[in-house]
PDB file of N, CA and C in Angstrom:
ATOM      1  N   MET A   1      86.762 -59.443 201.153  1.00  0.00           N
ATOM      2  CA  MET A   1      85.520 -60.293 200.203  1.00  0.00           C
ATOM      3  C   MET A   1      84.196 -60.087 200.618  1.00  0.00           C
ATOM      4  N   ILE A   2      83.929 -59.814 201.684  1.00  0.00           N
ATOM      5  CA  ILE A   2      82.671 -59.413 202.259  1.00  0.00           C
ATOM      6  C   ILE A   2      82.069 -58.290 201.558  1.00  0.00           C
ATOM      7  N   LYS A   3      82.695 -57.196 201.516  1.00  0.00           N
ATOM      8  CA  LYS A   3      82.607 -55.748 200.778  1.00  0.00           C
ATOM      9  C   LYS A   3      82.360 -56.300 199.500  1.00  0.00           C
ATOM     10  N   GLY A   4      83.160 -56.845 198.676  1.00  0.00           N
ATOM     11  CA  GLY A   4      82.873 -57.181 197.533  1.00  0.00           C
ATOM     12  C   GLY A   4      81.430 -57.761 197.165  1.00  0.00           C
ATOM     13  N   LEU A   5      81.056 -59.010 197.921  1.00  0.00           N
ATOM     14  CA  LEU A   5      79.872 -59.508 197.739  1.00  0.00           C
ATOM     15  C   LEU A   5      78.882 -58.462 198.085  1.00  0.00           C
ATOM     16  N   ALA A   6      78.809 -57.723 198.948  1.00  0.00           N
ATOM     17  CA  ALA A   6      77.923 -56.562 199.262  1.00  0.00           C
ATOM     18  C   ALA A   6      77.822 -55.922 198.140  1.00  0.00           C
ATOM     19  N   ILE A   7      78.518 -55.140 197.545  1.00  0.00           N
ATOM     20  CA  ILE A   7      78.538 -54.436 196.340  1.00  0.00           C
ATOM     21  C   ILE A   7      77.931 -55.441 195.120  1.00  0.00           C
ATOM     22  N   THR A   8      78.056 -56.661 194.798  1.00  0.00           N
ATOM     23  CA  THR A   8      77.584 -57.574 193.855  1.00  0.00           C
ATOM     24  C   THR A   8      76.091 -57.827 194.044  1.00  0.00           C
ATOM     25  N   VAL A   9      75.712 -57.909 195.509  1.00  0.00           N
ATOM     26  CA  VAL A   9      74.279 -58.163 195.851  1.00  0.00           C
ATOM     27  C   VAL A   9      73.448 -56.842 195.382  1.00  0.00           C
ATOM     28  N   VAL A  10      74.041 -55.721 195.775  1.00  0.00           N
ATOM     29  CA  VAL A  10      73.488 -54.590 195.356  1.00  0.00           C
ATOM     30  C   VAL A  10      72.968 -54.325 194.091  1.00  0.00           C
ATOM     31  N   ALA A  11      74.285 -54.499 193.490  1.00  0.00           N
ATOM     32  CA  ALA A  11      74.223 -54.309 192.006  1.00  0.00           C
ATOM     33  C   ALA A  11      72.845 -55.356 191.351  1.00  0.00           C
ATOM     34  N   VAL A  12      73.010 -56.641 191.851  1.00  0.00           N
ATOM     35  CA  VAL A  12      71.943 -57.567 191.235  1.00  0.00           C
ATOM     36  C   VAL A  12      70.656 -57.094 191.752  1.00  0.00           C
ATOM     37  N   LEU A  13      70.225 -56.722 192.823  1.00  0.00           N
ATOM     38  CA  LEU A  13      69.180 -56.083 193.130  1.00  0.00           C
ATOM     39  C   LEU A  13      68.647 -54.788 192.470  1.00  0.00           C
ATOM     40  N   ALA A  14      69.387 -53.821 192.088  1.00  0.00           N
ATOM     41  CA  ALA A  14      68.965 -52.824 191.465  1.00  0.00           C
ATOM     42  C   ALA A  14      69.043 -53.174 189.868  1.00  0.00           C
ATOM     43  N   VAL A  15      69.621 -54.201 189.571  1.00  0.00           N
ATOM     44  CA  VAL A  15      69.179 -54.663 187.941  1.00  0.00           C
ATOM     45  C   VAL A  15      67.715 -55.289 188.035  1.00  0.00           C
ATOM     46  N   VAL A  16      67.399 -56.159 188.863  1.00  0.00           N
ATOM     47  CA  VAL A  16      66.321 -56.869 189.216  1.00  0.00           C
ATOM     48  C   VAL A  16      65.139 -55.695 189.328  1.00  0.00           C
ATOM     49  N   GLN A  17      65.209 -54.639 189.898  1.00  0.00           N
ATOM     50  CA  GLN A  17      64.236 -53.647 190.258  1.00  0.00           C
ATOM     51  C   GLN A  17      64.084 -52.739 188.665  1.00  0.00           C
ATOM     52  N   LEU A  18      65.130 -52.576 188.118  1.00  0.00           N
ATOM     53  CA  LEU A  18      64.883 -52.029 186.749  1.00  0.00           C
ATOM     54  C   LEU A  18      64.213 -53.050 186.051  1.00  0.00           C
ATOM     55  N   LEU A  19      64.449 -53.961 185.871  1.00  0.00           N
ATOM     56  CA  LEU A  19      63.706 -55.206 184.913  1.00  0.00           C
ATOM     57  C   LEU A  19      62.318 -55.333 185.212  1.00  0.00           C
ATOM     58  N   ALA A  20      62.033 -55.503 186.721  1.00  0.00           N
ATOM     59  CA  ALA A  20      60.502 -55.551 187.134  1.00  0.00           C
ATOM     60  C   ALA A  20      59.868 -54.389 186.942  1.00  0.00           C
ATOM     61  N   ARG A  21      60.269 -53.163 186.751  1.00  0.00           N
ATOM     62  CA  ARG A  21      59.693 -51.959 186.636  1.00  0.00           C
ATOM     63  C   ARG A  21      59.027 -51.761 185.482  1.00  0.00           C
ATOM     64  N   PRO A  22      57.356 -51.727 185.412  1.00  0.00           N
ATOM     65  CA  PRO A  22      56.756 -51.747 184.463  1.00  0.00           C
ATOM     66  C   PRO A  22      56.876 -50.477 183.442  1.00  0.00           C
ATOM     67  N   SER A  23      56.904 -50.511 181.997  1.00  0.00           N
ATOM     68  CA  SER A  23      57.215 -49.571 181.177  1.00  0.00           C
ATOM     69  C   SER A  23      56.150 -48.964 181.166  1.00  0.00           C
ATOM     70  N   ASP A  24      56.185 -47.386 180.992  1.00  0.00           N
ATOM     71  CA  ASP A  24      55.190 -46.345 180.873  1.00  0.00           C
ATOM     72  C   ASP A  24      54.766 -46.299 179.131  1.00  0.00           C
ATOM     73  N   ALA A  25      55.706 -46.758 178.551  1.00  0.00           N
ATOM     74  CA  ALA A  25      55.546 -46.454 176.904  1.00  0.00           C
ATOM     75  C   ALA A  25      54.991 -47.505 176.500  1.00  0.00           C
ATOM     76  N   ALA A  26      53.807 -47.379 175.624  1.00  0.00           N
ATOM     77  CA  ALA A  26      52.882 -48.083 174.783  1.00  0.00           C
ATOM     78  C   ALA A  26      53.741 -48.706 173.937  1.00  0.00           C
ATOM     79  N   VAL A  27      53.470 -49.937 173.155  1.00  0.00           N
ATOM     80  CA  VAL A  27      54.120 -50.244 172.107  1.00  0.00           C
ATOM     81  C   VAL A  27      54.030 -49.574 170.975  1.00  0.00           C
ATOM     82  N   SER A  28      55.142 -49.503 170.131  1.00  0.00           N
ATOM     83  CA  SER A  28      54.972 -48.697 168.862  1.00  0.00           C
ATOM     84  C   SER A  28      54.861 -49.253 167.664  1.00  0.00           C
ATOM     85  N   CYS A  29      54.473 -48.240 166.627  1.00  0.00           N
ATOM     86  CA  CYS A  29      54.104 -48.918 165.259  1.00  0.00           C
ATOM     87  C   CYS A  29      55.243 -49.595 164.839  1.00  0.00           C
ATOM     88  N   GLY A  30      56.363 -49.440 164.919  1.00  0.00           N
ATOM     89  CA  GLY A  30      57.370 -49.966 164.731  1.00  0.00           C
ATOM     90  C   GLY A  30      57.569 -51.340 165.087  1.00  0.00           C
ATOM     91  N   GLN A  31      57.244 -51.533 166.127  1.00  0.00           N
ATOM     92  CA  GLN A  31      57.421 -52.828 166.823  1.00  0.00           C
ATOM     93  C   GLN A  31      56.298 -53.754 166.366  1.00  0.00           C
ATOM     94  N   VAL A  32      55.226 -53.153 165.968  1.00  0.00           N
ATOM     95  CA  VAL A  32      54.118 -53.880 165.449  1.00  0.00           C
ATOM     96  C   VAL A  32      54.693 -54.211 164.016  1.00  0.00           C
ATOM     97  N   ASP A  33      55.010 -53.450 163.295  1.00  0.00           N
ATOM     98  CA  ASP A  33      55.331 -53.612 161.845  1.00  0.00           C
ATOM     99  C   ASP A  33      56.407 -54.598 161.809  1.00  0.00           C
ATOM    100  N   THR A  34      57.453 -54.794 162.711  1.00  0.00           N
ATOM    101  CA  THR A  34      58.402 -55.626 162.711  1.00  0.00           C
ATOM    102  C   THR A  34      57.927 -56.930 162.960  1.00  0.00           C
ATOM    103  N   ALA A  35      56.970 -57.102 163.960  1.00  0.00           N
ATOM    104  CA  ALA A  35      56.225 -58.281 164.130  1.00  0.00           C
ATOM    105  C   ALA A  35      55.574 -58.860 163.174  1.00  0.00           C
ATOM    106  N   LEU A  36      54.785 -57.954 162.411  1.00  0.00           N
ATOM    107  CA  LEU A  36      53.597 -58.779 161.434  1.00  0.00           C
ATOM    108  C   LEU A  36      54.794 -58.657 159.947  1.00  0.00           C
ATOM    109  N   THR A  37      55.612 -57.965 159.792  1.00  0.00           N
ATOM    110  CA  THR A  37      55.915 -57.990 158.286  1.00  0.00           C
ATOM    111  C   THR A  37      56.069 -59.407 157.766  1.00  0.00           C
ATOM    112  N   PRO A  38      56.588 -60.627 158.461  1.00  0.00           N
ATOM    113  CA  PRO A  38      56.545 -61.809 157.950  1.00  0.00           C
ATOM    114  C   PRO A  38      55.232 -62.196 157.337  1.00  0.00           C
ATOM    115  N   CYS A  39      53.915 -61.651 157.884  1.00  0.00           N
ATOM    116  CA  CYS A  39      52.794 -62.031 157.613  1.00  0.00           C
ATOM    117  C   CYS A  39      52.186 -61.450 156.242  1.00  0.00           C
ATOM    118  N   LEU A  40      53.094 -60.660 155.672  1.00  0.00           N
ATOM    119  CA  LEU A  40      52.440 -59.811 154.440  1.00  0.00           C
ATOM    120  C   LEU A  40      51.933 -60.764 153.465  1.00  0.00           C
ATOM    121  N   THR A  41      52.664 -62.169 153.131  1.00  0.00           N
ATOM    122  CA  THR A  41      52.528 -62.929 152.214  1.00  0.00           C
ATOM    123  C   THR A  41      51.171 -63.614 152.536  1.00  0.00           C
ATOM    124  N   TYR A  42      51.173 -64.245 153.811  1.00  0.00           N
ATOM    125  CA  TYR A  42      49.818 -64.642 154.150  1.00  0.00           C
ATOM    126  C   TYR A  42      48.562 -63.819 153.988  1.00  0.00           C
ATOM    127  N   LEU A  43      48.739 -62.387 154.611  1.00  0.00           N
ATOM    128  CA  LEU A  43      47.859 -61.375 154.703  1.00  0.00           C
ATOM    129  C   LEU A  43      47.217 -60.907 153.233  1.00  0.00           C
ATOM    130  N   THR A  44      48.224 -61.115 152.238  1.00  0.00           N
ATOM    131  CA  THR A  44      47.788 -60.540 150.914  1.00  0.00           C
ATOM    132  C   THR A  44      47.503 -61.970 149.944  1.00  0.00           C
ATOM    133  N   LYS A  45      47.907 -62.978 150.191  1.00  0.00           N
ATOM    134  CA  LYS A  45      47.665 -64.468 149.323  1.00  0.00           C
ATOM    135  C   LYS A  45      46.836 -65.549 149.947  1.00  0.00           C
ATOM    136  N   GLY A  46      46.607 -65.374 151.157  1.00  0.00           N
ATOM    137  CA  GLY A  46      45.978 -66.430 151.990  1.00  0.00           C
ATOM    138  C   GLY A  46      47.031 -67.734 152.014  1.00  0.00           C
ATOM    139  N   GLY A  47      46.631 -68.864 152.311  1.00  0.00           N
ATOM    140  CA  GLY A  47      47.248 -70.057 152.285  1.00  0.00           C
ATOM    141  C   GLY A  47      47.153 -70.263 154.001  1.00  0.00           C
ATOM    142  N   THR A  48      48.600 -70.788 154.361  1.00  0.00           N
ATOM    143  CA  THR A  48      49.015 -70.956 155.720  1.00  0.00           C
ATOM    144  C   THR A  48      49.841 -69.842 155.838  1.00  0.00           C
ATOM    145  N   PRO A  49      49.997 -69.223 157.404  1.00  0.00           N
ATOM    146  CA  PRO A  49      51.123 -68.301 157.543  1.00  0.00           C
ATOM    147  C   PRO A  49      52.427 -69.121 157.790  1.00  0.00           C
ATOM    148  N   SER A  50      53.479 -68.342 157.471  1.00  0.00           N
ATOM    149  CA  SER A  50      54.956 -68.978 157.808  1.00  0.00           C
ATOM    150  C   SER A  50      55.208 -69.136 159.392  1.00  0.00           C
ATOM    151  N   THR A  51      56.263 -69.886 159.785  1.00  0.00           N
ATOM    152  CA  THR A  51      56.560 -69.896 161.008  1.00  0.00           C
ATOM    153  C   THR A  51      57.077 -68.444 161.430  1.00  0.00           C
ATOM    154  N   GLN A  52      57.794 -67.668 160.654  1.00  0.00           N
ATOM    155  CA  GLN A  52      58.392 -66.602 161.031  1.00  0.00           C
ATOM    156  C   GLN A  52      56.825 -65.825 161.375  1.00  0.00           C
ATOM    157  N   CYS A  53      55.810 -65.812 160.530  1.00  0.00           N
ATOM    158  CA  CYS A  53      54.795 -65.053 160.664  1.00  0.00           C
ATOM    159  C   CYS A  53      54.194 -65.384 162.143  1.00  0.00           C
ATOM    160  N   CYS A  54      53.919 -66.683 162.358  1.00  0.00           N
ATOM    161  CA  CYS A  54      53.513 -66.888 163.671  1.00  0.00           C
ATOM    162  C   CYS A  54      54.309 -66.717 164.852  1.00  0.00           C
ATOM    163  N   SER A  55      55.376 -66.421 164.596  1.00  0.00           N
ATOM    164  CA  SER A  55      56.398 -66.125 165.693  1.00  0.00           C
ATOM    165  C   SER A  55      55.955 -64.696 165.927  1.00  0.00           C
ATOM    166  N   GLY A  56      56.041 -63.890 164.842  1.00  0.00           N
ATOM    167  CA  GLY A  56      55.508 -62.237 165.046  1.00  0.00           C
ATOM    168  C   GLY A  56      54.283 -62.179 165.707  1.00  0.00           C
ATOM    169  N   VAL A  57      53.439 -63.287 165.315  1.00  0.00           N
ATOM    170  CA  VAL A  57      52.175 -62.950 166.237  1.00  0.00           C
ATOM    171  C   VAL A  57      52.202 -63.316 167.811  1.00  0.00           C
ATOM    172  N   ARG A  58      53.034 -64.297 167.827  1.00  0.00           N
ATOM    173  CA  ARG A  58      53.418 -64.348 169.387  1.00  0.00           C
ATOM    174  C   ARG A  58      54.156 -63.506 170.295  1.00  0.00           C
ATOM    175  N   SER A  59      54.876 -62.952 169.177  1.00  0.00           N
ATOM    176  CA  SER A  59      55.612 -61.624 169.712  1.00  0.00           C
ATOM    177  C   SER A  59      54.840 -60.054 169.861  1.00  0.00           C
ATOM    178  N   LEU A  60      53.561 -60.114 169.077  1.00  0.00           N
ATOM    179  CA  LEU A  60      52.568 -59.207 169.452  1.00  0.00           C
ATOM    180  C   LEU A  60      51.956 -59.304 170.481  1.00  0.00           C
ATOM    181  N   LYS A  61      51.621 -60.697 170.582  1.00  0.00           N
ATOM    182  CA  LYS A  61      50.929 -61.035 171.744  1.00  0.00           C
ATOM    183  C   LYS A  61      51.717 -60.575 173.292  1.00  0.00           C
ATOM    184  N   SER A  62      52.836 -60.818 173.428  1.00  0.00           N
ATOM    185  CA  SER A  62      53.894 -60.614 174.375  1.00  0.00           C
ATOM    186  C   SER A  62      53.980 -59.056 174.734  1.00  0.00           C
ATOM    187  N   MET A  63      53.678 -58.237 173.446  1.00  0.00           N
ATOM    188  CA  MET A  63      53.763 -56.890 173.609  1.00  0.00           C
ATOM    189  C   MET A  63      52.642 -56.188 174.235  1.00  0.00           C
ATOM    190  N   THR A  64      51.348 -56.695 174.281  1.00  0.00           N
ATOM    191  CA  THR A  64      50.220 -56.317 174.352  1.00  0.00           C
ATOM    192  C   THR A  64      49.424 -56.706 175.578  1.00  0.00           C
ATOM    193  N   GLY A  65      50.272 -56.688 176.804  1.00  0.00           N
ATOM    194  CA  GLY A  65      49.861 -56.939 178.043  1.00  0.00           C
ATOM    195  C   GLY A  65      48.555 -55.785 178.807  1.00  0.00           C
ATOM    196  N   THR A  66      49.157 -54.556 178.616  1.00  0.00           N
ATOM    197  CA  THR A  66      48.181 -53.579 179.082  1.00  0.00           C
ATOM    198  C   THR A  66      47.056 -52.964 178.085  1.00  0.00           C
ATOM    199  N   LYS A  67      46.187 -52.435 178.598  1.00  0.00           N
ATOM    200  CA  LYS A  67      45.184 -51.741 177.768  1.00  0.00           C
ATOM    201  C   LYS A  67      45.647 -50.839 176.814  1.00  0.00           C
ATOM    202  N   THR A  68      46.479 -50.033 177.201  1.00  0.00           N
ATOM    203  CA  THR A  68      47.303 -48.925 176.631  1.00  0.00           C
ATOM    204  C   THR A  68      48.181 -49.520 175.687  1.00  0.00           C
ATOM    205  N   ASP A  69      48.714 -50.415 175.523  1.00  0.00           N
ATOM    206  CA  ASP A  69      49.514 -51.240 174.511  1.00  0.00           C
ATOM    207  C   ASP A  69      48.553 -52.322 173.542  1.00  0.00           C
ATOM    208  N   ARG A  70      47.371 -52.529 173.872  1.00  0.00           N
ATOM    209  CA  ARG A  70      46.523 -53.179 173.233  1.00  0.00           C
ATOM    210  C   ARG A  70      45.924 -51.977 172.152  1.00  0.00           C
ATOM    211  N   GLN A  71      45.518 -50.580 172.751  1.00  0.00           N
ATOM    212  CA  GLN A  71      44.798 -49.851 171.967  1.00  0.00           C
ATOM    213  C   GLN A  71      46.150 -49.316 170.918  1.00  0.00           C
ATOM    214  N   ALA A  72      47.232 -49.182 171.644  1.00  0.00           N
ATOM    215  CA  ALA A  72      48.442 -48.830 170.514  1.00  0.00           C
ATOM    216  C   ALA A  72      48.312 -49.751 169.381  1.00  0.00           C
ATOM    217  N   ALA A  73      48.564 -51.130 169.726  1.00  0.00           N
ATOM    218  CA  ALA A  73      48.884 -51.960 168.952  1.00  0.00           C
ATOM    219  C   ALA A  73      47.834 -51.944 167.632  1.00  0.00           C
ATOM    220  N   CYS A  74      46.532 -51.867 168.400  1.00  0.00           N
ATOM    221  CA  CYS A  74      45.303 -51.829 167.530  1.00  0.00           C
ATOM    222  C   CYS A  74      45.440 -50.699 166.685  1.00  0.00           C
ATOM    223  N   ASN A  75      45.746 -49.603 166.769  1.00  0.00           N
ATOM    224  CA  ASN A  75      45.847 -48.333 166.019  1.00  0.00           C
ATOM    225  C   ASN A  75      46.954 -48.506 164.881  1.00  0.00           C
ATOM    226  N   CYS A  76      48.123 -49.126 165.392  1.00  0.00           N
ATOM    227  CA  CYS A  76      49.094 -49.233 164.198  1.00  0.00           C
ATOM    228  C   CYS A  76      48.567 -50.113 163.317  1.00  0.00           C
ATOM    229  N   LEU A  77      47.833 -51.400 163.632  1.00  0.00           N
ATOM    230  CA  LEU A  77      47.246 -52.357 162.851  1.00  0.00           C
ATOM    231  C   LEU A  77      46.378 -51.852 161.848  1.00  0.00           C
ATOM    232  N   LYS A  78      45.655 -50.942 162.427  1.00  0.00           N
ATOM    233  CA  LYS A  78      44.649 -50.260 161.313  1.00  0.00           C
ATOM    234  C   LYS A  78      45.357 -49.250 160.283  1.00  0.00           C
ATOM    235  N   GLN A  79      46.507 -48.574 160.915  1.00  0.00           N
ATOM    236  CA  GLN A  79      47.327 -47.889 160.127  1.00  0.00           C
ATOM    237  C   GLN A  79      48.043 -48.547 158.950  1.00  0.00           C
ATOM    238  N   ALA A  80      48.192 -49.625 159.486  1.00  0.00           N
ATOM    239  CA  ALA A  80      49.358 -50.857 158.702  1.00  0.00           C
ATOM    240  C   ALA A  80      48.104 -51.181 157.295  1.00  0.00           C
ATOM    241  N   ALA A  81      47.129 -51.548 157.709  1.00  0.00           N
ATOM    242  CA  ALA A  81      45.984 -52.112 156.749  1.00  0.00           C
ATOM    243  C   ALA A  81      45.695 -51.074 155.656  1.00  0.00           C
ATOM    244  N   ALA A  82      45.850 -49.512 156.311  1.00  0.00           N
ATOM    245  CA  ALA A  82      45.627 -48.847 155.150  1.00  0.00           C
ATOM    246  C   ALA A  82      46.756 -48.406 154.228  1.00  0.00           C
ATOM    247  N   ARG A  83      47.981 -48.724 154.773  1.00  0.00           N
ATOM    248  CA  ARG A  83      49.244 -48.945 153.733  1.00  0.00           C
ATOM    249  C   ARG A  83      49.158 -49.936 152.919  1.00  0.00           C
ATOM    250  N   TYR A  84      48.787 -51.163 153.182  1.00  0.00           N
ATOM    251  CA  TYR A  84      48.813 -52.202 152.366  1.00  0.00           C
ATOM    252  C   TYR A  84      47.290 -52.573 151.978  1.00  0.00           C
ATOM    253  N   GLN A  85      46.978 -52.027 150.753  1.00  0.00           N
ATOM    254  CA  GLN A  85      45.914 -52.231 150.306  1.00  0.00           C
ATOM    255  C   GLN A  85      45.250 -53.679 149.696  1.00  0.00           C
ATOM    256  N   GLY A  86      46.081 -54.508 149.680  1.00  0.00           N
ATOM    257  CA  GLY A  86      45.913 -55.647 149.344  1.00  0.00           C
ATOM    258  C   GLY A  86      45.727 -56.712 150.413  1.00  0.00           C
ATOM    259  N   ILE A  87      45.625 -56.385 151.549  1.00  0.00           N
ATOM    260  CA  ILE A  87      45.240 -57.265 152.706  1.00  0.00           C
ATOM    261  C   ILE A  87      44.042 -57.642 152.648  1.00  0.00           C
ATOM    262  N   LYS A  88      43.790 -59.089 152.854  1.00  0.00           N
ATOM    263  CA  LYS A  88      42.501 -59.543 152.856  1.00  0.00           C
ATOM    264  C   LYS A  88      41.786 -59.678 154.233  1.00  0.00           C
ATOM    265  N   ASP A  89      40.778 -59.014 154.499  1.00  0.00           N
ATOM    266  CA  ASP A  89      40.210 -58.880 155.626  1.00  0.00           C
ATOM    267  C   ASP A  89      40.023 -60.524 156.373  1.00  0.00           C
ATOM    268  N   ALA A  90      39.438 -61.312 155.609  1.00  0.00           N
ATOM    269  CA  ALA A  90      39.205 -62.767 156.133  1.00  0.00           C
ATOM    270  C   ALA A  90      40.633 -63.378 156.762  1.00  0.00           C
ATOM    271  N   ALA A  91      41.674 -63.093 155.990  1.00  0.00           N
ATOM    272  CA  ALA A  91      43.564 -63.935 156.166  1.00  0.00           C
ATOM    273  C   ALA A  91      43.428 -62.871 157.573  1.00  0.00           C
ATOM    274  N   ALA A  92      43.448 -61.511 157.819  1.00  0.00           N
ATOM    275  CA  ALA A  92      43.697 -60.963 158.855  1.00  0.00           C
ATOM    276  C   ALA A  92      43.014 -61.548 160.049  1.00  0.00           C
ATOM    277  N   ALA A  93      41.473 -61.446 159.930  1.00  0.00           N
ATOM    278  CA  ALA A  93      40.680 -62.004 161.094  1.00  0.00           C
ATOM    279  C   ALA A  93      41.366 -63.413 161.541  1.00  0.00           C
ATOM    280  N   ALA A  94      41.554 -64.321 160.616  1.00  0.00           N
ATOM    281  CA  ALA A  94      41.958 -65.413 160.889  1.00  0.00           C
ATOM    282  C   ALA A  94      43.621 -65.690 161.468  1.00  0.00           C
ATOM    283  N   LEU A  95      44.235 -64.731 161.374  1.00  0.00           N
ATOM    284  CA  LEU A  95      45.525 -64.836 161.460  1.00  0.00           C
ATOM    285  C   LEU A  95      45.826 -65.868 162.999  1.00  0.00           C
ATOM    286  N   SER A  96      45.231 -64.955 163.896  1.00  0.00           N
ATOM    287  CA  SER A  96      45.859 -65.426 165.214  1.00  0.00           C
ATOM    288  C   SER A  96      45.192 -66.944 165.591  1.00  0.00           C
ATOM    289  N   GLN A  97      44.363 -67.296 164.759  1.00  0.00           N
ATOM    290  CA  GLN A  97      43.622 -68.650 164.862  1.00  0.00           C
ATOM    291  C   GLN A  97      44.694 -69.451 164.625  1.00  0.00           C
ATOM    292  N   LYS A  98      45.156 -69.226 163.042  1.00  0.00           N
ATOM    293  CA  LYS A  98      45.840 -69.866 162.473  1.00  0.00           C
ATOM    294  C   LYS A  98      47.332 -70.330 162.909  1.00  0.00           C
ATOM    295  N   CYS A  99      47.675 -69.203 163.767  1.00  0.00           N
ATOM    296  CA  CYS A  99      48.904 -69.448 164.267  1.00  0.00           C
ATOM    297  C   CYS A  99      48.817 -70.222 165.874  1.00  0.00           C
ATOM    298  N   GLY A 100      47.585 -70.162 166.601  1.00  0.00           N
ATOM    299  CA  GLY A 100      47.310 -70.990 167.635  1.00  0.00           C
ATOM    300  C   GLY A 100      47.497 -69.853 168.527  1.00  0.00           C
ATOM    301  N   VAL A 101      47.285 -68.856 168.579  1.00  0.00           N
ATOM    302  CA  VAL A 101      47.518 -67.520 169.502  1.00  0.00           C
ATOM    303  C   VAL A 101      46.244 -67.007 169.887  1.00  0.00           C
ATOM    304  N   GLN A 102      46.051 -66.855 170.852  1.00  0.00           N
ATOM    305  CA  GLN A 102      44.725 -65.893 171.258  1.00  0.00           C
ATOM    306  C   GLN A 102      45.234 -64.638 171.544  1.00  0.00           C
ATOM    307  N   LEU A 103      45.228 -63.759 170.640  1.00  0.00           N
ATOM    308  CA  LEU A 103      45.412 -62.410 170.837  1.00  0.00           C
ATOM    309  C   LEU A 103      44.299 -61.516 171.071  1.00  0.00           C
ATOM    310  N   SER A 104      44.567 -60.521 172.216  1.00  0.00           N
ATOM    311  CA  SER A 104      43.599 -59.672 172.797  1.00  0.00           C
ATOM    312  C   SER A 104      43.308 -58.356 171.763  1.00  0.00           C
ATOM    313  N   VAL A 105      44.272 -58.474 170.740  1.00  0.00           N
ATOM    314  CA  VAL A 105      44.017 -57.345 169.600  1.00  0.00           C
ATOM    315  C   VAL A 105      43.382 -57.914 168.442  1.00  0.00           C
ATOM    316  N   PRO A 106      42.190 -57.730 168.091  1.00  0.00           N
ATOM    317  CA  PRO A 106      41.631 -58.238 166.590  1.00  0.00           C
ATOM    318  C   PRO A 106      42.488 -57.585 165.539  1.00  0.00           C
ATOM    319  N   ILE A 107      42.449 -58.397 164.559  1.00  0.00           N
ATOM    320  CA  ILE A 107      43.300 -57.678 163.564  1.00  0.00           C
ATOM    321  C   ILE A 107      42.383 -57.520 162.457  1.00  0.00           C
ATOM    322  N   SER A 108      41.827 -56.234 162.473  1.00  0.00           N
ATOM    323  CA  SER A 108      40.683 -56.154 161.732  1.00  0.00           C
ATOM    324  C   SER A 108      40.870 -54.506 161.380  1.00  0.00           C
ATOM    325  N   ARG A 109      40.402 -54.007 160.141  1.00  0.00           N
ATOM    326  CA  ARG A 109      40.332 -52.703 159.933  1.00  0.00           C
ATOM    327  C   ARG A 109      39.335 -51.787 160.461  1.00  0.00           C
ATOM    328  N   LYS A 110      38.199 -52.741 161.051  1.00  0.00           N
ATOM    329  CA  LYS A 110      36.937 -52.078 161.663  1.00  0.00           C
ATOM    330  C   LYS A 110      36.961 -51.912 162.894  1.00  0.00           C
ATOM    331  N   THR A 111      37.887 -52.425 163.579  1.00  0.00           N
ATOM    332  CA  THR A 111      37.987 -52.388 164.985  1.00  0.00           C
ATOM    333  C   THR A 111      37.879 -51.228 165.537  1.00  0.00           C
ATOM    334  N   ASP A 112      37.065 -50.904 166.804  1.00  0.00           N
ATOM    335  CA  ASP A 112      37.220 -49.676 167.585  1.00  0.00           C
ATOM    336  C   ASP A 112      38.348 -49.620 168.683  1.00  0.00           C
ATOM    337  N   CYS A 113      39.431 -48.976 168.418  1.00  0.00           N
ATOM    338  CA  CYS A 113      40.602 -49.359 169.264  1.00  0.00           C
ATOM    339  C   CYS A 113      40.303 -48.685 170.437  1.00  0.00           C
ATOM    340  N   SER A 114      39.442 -47.866 170.665  1.00  0.00           N
ATOM    341  CA  SER A 114      39.171 -47.289 171.822  1.00  0.00           C
ATOM    342  C   SER A 114      38.705 -47.968 173.064  1.00  0.00           C
ATOM    343  N   LYS A 115      38.126 -49.216 172.976  1.00  0.00           N
ATOM    344  CA  LYS A 115      37.622 -50.207 173.668  1.00  0.00           C
ATOM    345  C   LYS A 115      38.512 -51.087 174.162  1.00  0.00           C
TER     346      LYS A 115
END
């Protein structure tokens, strides 16, 4: 019984260490696109962002905890803005505020992502 308990404790500790280890991989454009796809209607037509859109904005915030992640997300946002020509710059700039989320990644075509 003690041997089984010891094995369980070791297994749990191994899982905790794996989960606690920070990832070296930056956020991907696929992740950013998935998070903000529900915002396309708001970004092209204005109005009020949907609940799903704001959930995506919160998801984006949680993905961009490091400078590397913020820079990667910034570049992805600029690429997405180039793909979707109908995006209104004012709507993009106001998105995080309208969702009540303070993003450390500005949503703008003009942002210098190297900073």
